[in-house]
Amino acid sequence: MKMTEETKFRRFEVADYLDDLDDVAAYLEIALQESADDPTAVPRALGVIARS
């Protein structure tokens, strides 16, 4: 790749990697654990799960 070429990146989207119910359950479990420190963790996770 040349230094003058412009590189484009795509934003990382967690929903693209939630392939089955086990992935969804694990993601939600982590969000529930994080919710003690971050009250937005569960609503944010539910939004991601809805997009998956």
C-alpha atoms as a PDB file:
ATOM      1  CA  MET A   1       0.000   0.000   0.000  1.00  0.00           C
ATOM      2  CA  LYS A   2       1.296   3.398  -0.921  1.00  0.00           C
ATOM      3  CA  MET A   3       1.543   6.088   1.700  1.00  0.00           C
ATOM      4  CA  THR A   4      -0.507   8.393  -0.515  1.00  0.00           C
ATOM      5  CA  GLU A   5      -3.496   6.043  -0.748  1.00  0.00           C
ATOM      6  CA  GLU A   6      -6.419   6.822   1.481  1.00  0.00           C
ATOM      7  CA  THR A   7      -7.394   3.910   3.719  1.00  0.00           C
ATOM      8  CA  LYS A   8     -11.036   3.604   4.673  1.00  0.00           C
ATOM      9  CA  PHE A   9     -12.217   1.786   7.726  1.00  0.00           C
ATOM     10  CA  ARG A  10     -15.621   0.513   8.638  1.00  0.00           C
ATOM     11  CA  ARG A  11     -16.929   1.099  12.150  1.00  0.00           C
ATOM     12  CA  PHE A  12     -16.887  -2.051  14.307  1.00  0.00           C
ATOM     13  CA  GLU A  13     -20.420  -3.328  14.857  1.00  0.00           C
ATOM     14  CA  VAL A  14     -20.899  -5.918  17.614  1.00  0.00           C
ATOM     15  CA  ALA A  15     -24.255  -6.938  16.130  1.00  0.00           C
ATOM     16  CA  ASP A  16     -22.434  -8.382  13.116  1.00  0.00           C
ATOM     17  CA  TYR A  17     -20.781 -10.962  15.385  1.00  0.00           C
ATOM     18  CA  LEU A  18     -23.769 -12.140  17.422  1.00  0.00           C
ATOM     19  CA  ASP A  19     -24.447 -15.246  15.358  1.00  0.00           C
ATOM     20  CA  ASP A  20     -26.609 -17.370  17.639  1.00  0.00           C
ATOM     21  CA  LEU A  21     -28.467 -17.382  20.953  1.00  0.00           C
ATOM     22  CA  ASP A  22     -25.365 -18.440  22.874  1.00  0.00           C
ATOM     23  CA  ASP A  23     -23.527 -15.341  21.631  1.00  0.00           C
ATOM     24  CA  VAL A  24     -26.493 -13.141  22.532  1.00  0.00           C
ATOM     25  CA  ALA A  25     -26.761 -14.681  26.009  1.00  0.00           C
ATOM     26  CA  ALA A  26     -23.047 -14.228  26.686  1.00  0.00           C
ATOM     27  CA  TYR A  27     -23.142 -10.613  25.492  1.00  0.00           C
ATOM     28  CA  LEU A  28     -26.158  -9.832  27.669  1.00  0.00           C
ATOM     29  CA  GLU A  29     -24.548 -11.528  30.673  1.00  0.00           C
ATOM     30  CA  ILE A  30     -21.470  -9.328  30.292  1.00  0.00           C
ATOM     31  CA  ALA A  31     -23.687  -6.254  29.987  1.00  0.00           C
ATOM     32  CA  LEU A  32     -25.488  -7.218  33.190  1.00  0.00           C
ATOM     33  CA  GLN A  33     -22.154  -7.558  34.997  1.00  0.00           C
ATOM     34  CA  GLU A  34     -21.004  -4.177  33.679  1.00  0.00           C
ATOM     35  CA  SER A  35     -24.267  -2.485  34.660  1.00  0.00           C
ATOM     36  CA  ALA A  36     -23.057  -2.073  38.248  1.00  0.00           C
ATOM     37  CA  ASP A  37     -20.478   0.422  36.971  1.00  0.00           C
ATOM     38  CA  ASP A  38     -22.288   1.619  33.833  1.00  0.00           C
ATOM     39  CA  PRO A  39     -26.078   1.983  34.024  1.00  0.00           C
ATOM     40  CA  THR A  40     -26.266   2.333  30.222  1.00  0.00           C
ATOM     41  CA  ALA A  41     -24.702  -1.096  29.576  1.00  0.00           C
ATOM     42  CA  VAL A  42     -27.952  -3.106  29.493  1.00  0.00           C
ATOM     43  CA  PRO A  43     -30.005  -0.718  27.328  1.00  0.00           C
ATOM     44  CA  ARG A  44     -27.062  -0.372  24.931  1.00  0.00           C
ATOM     45  CA  ALA A  45     -26.685  -4.173  24.781  1.00  0.00           C
ATOM     46  CA  LEU A  46     -30.403  -4.619  24.092  1.00  0.00           C
ATOM     47  CA  GLY A  47     -30.099  -2.191  21.187  1.00  0.00           C
ATOM     48  CA  VAL A  48     -27.162  -4.152  19.792  1.00  0.00           C
ATOM     49  CA  ILE A  49     -29.054  -7.418  20.195  1.00  0.00           C
ATOM     50  CA  ALA A  50     -32.076  -5.948  18.389  1.00  0.00           C
ATOM     51  CA  ARG A  51     -29.839  -5.014  15.429  1.00  0.00           C
ATOM     52  CA  SER A  52     -28.246  -8.474  15.265  1.00  0.00           C
END
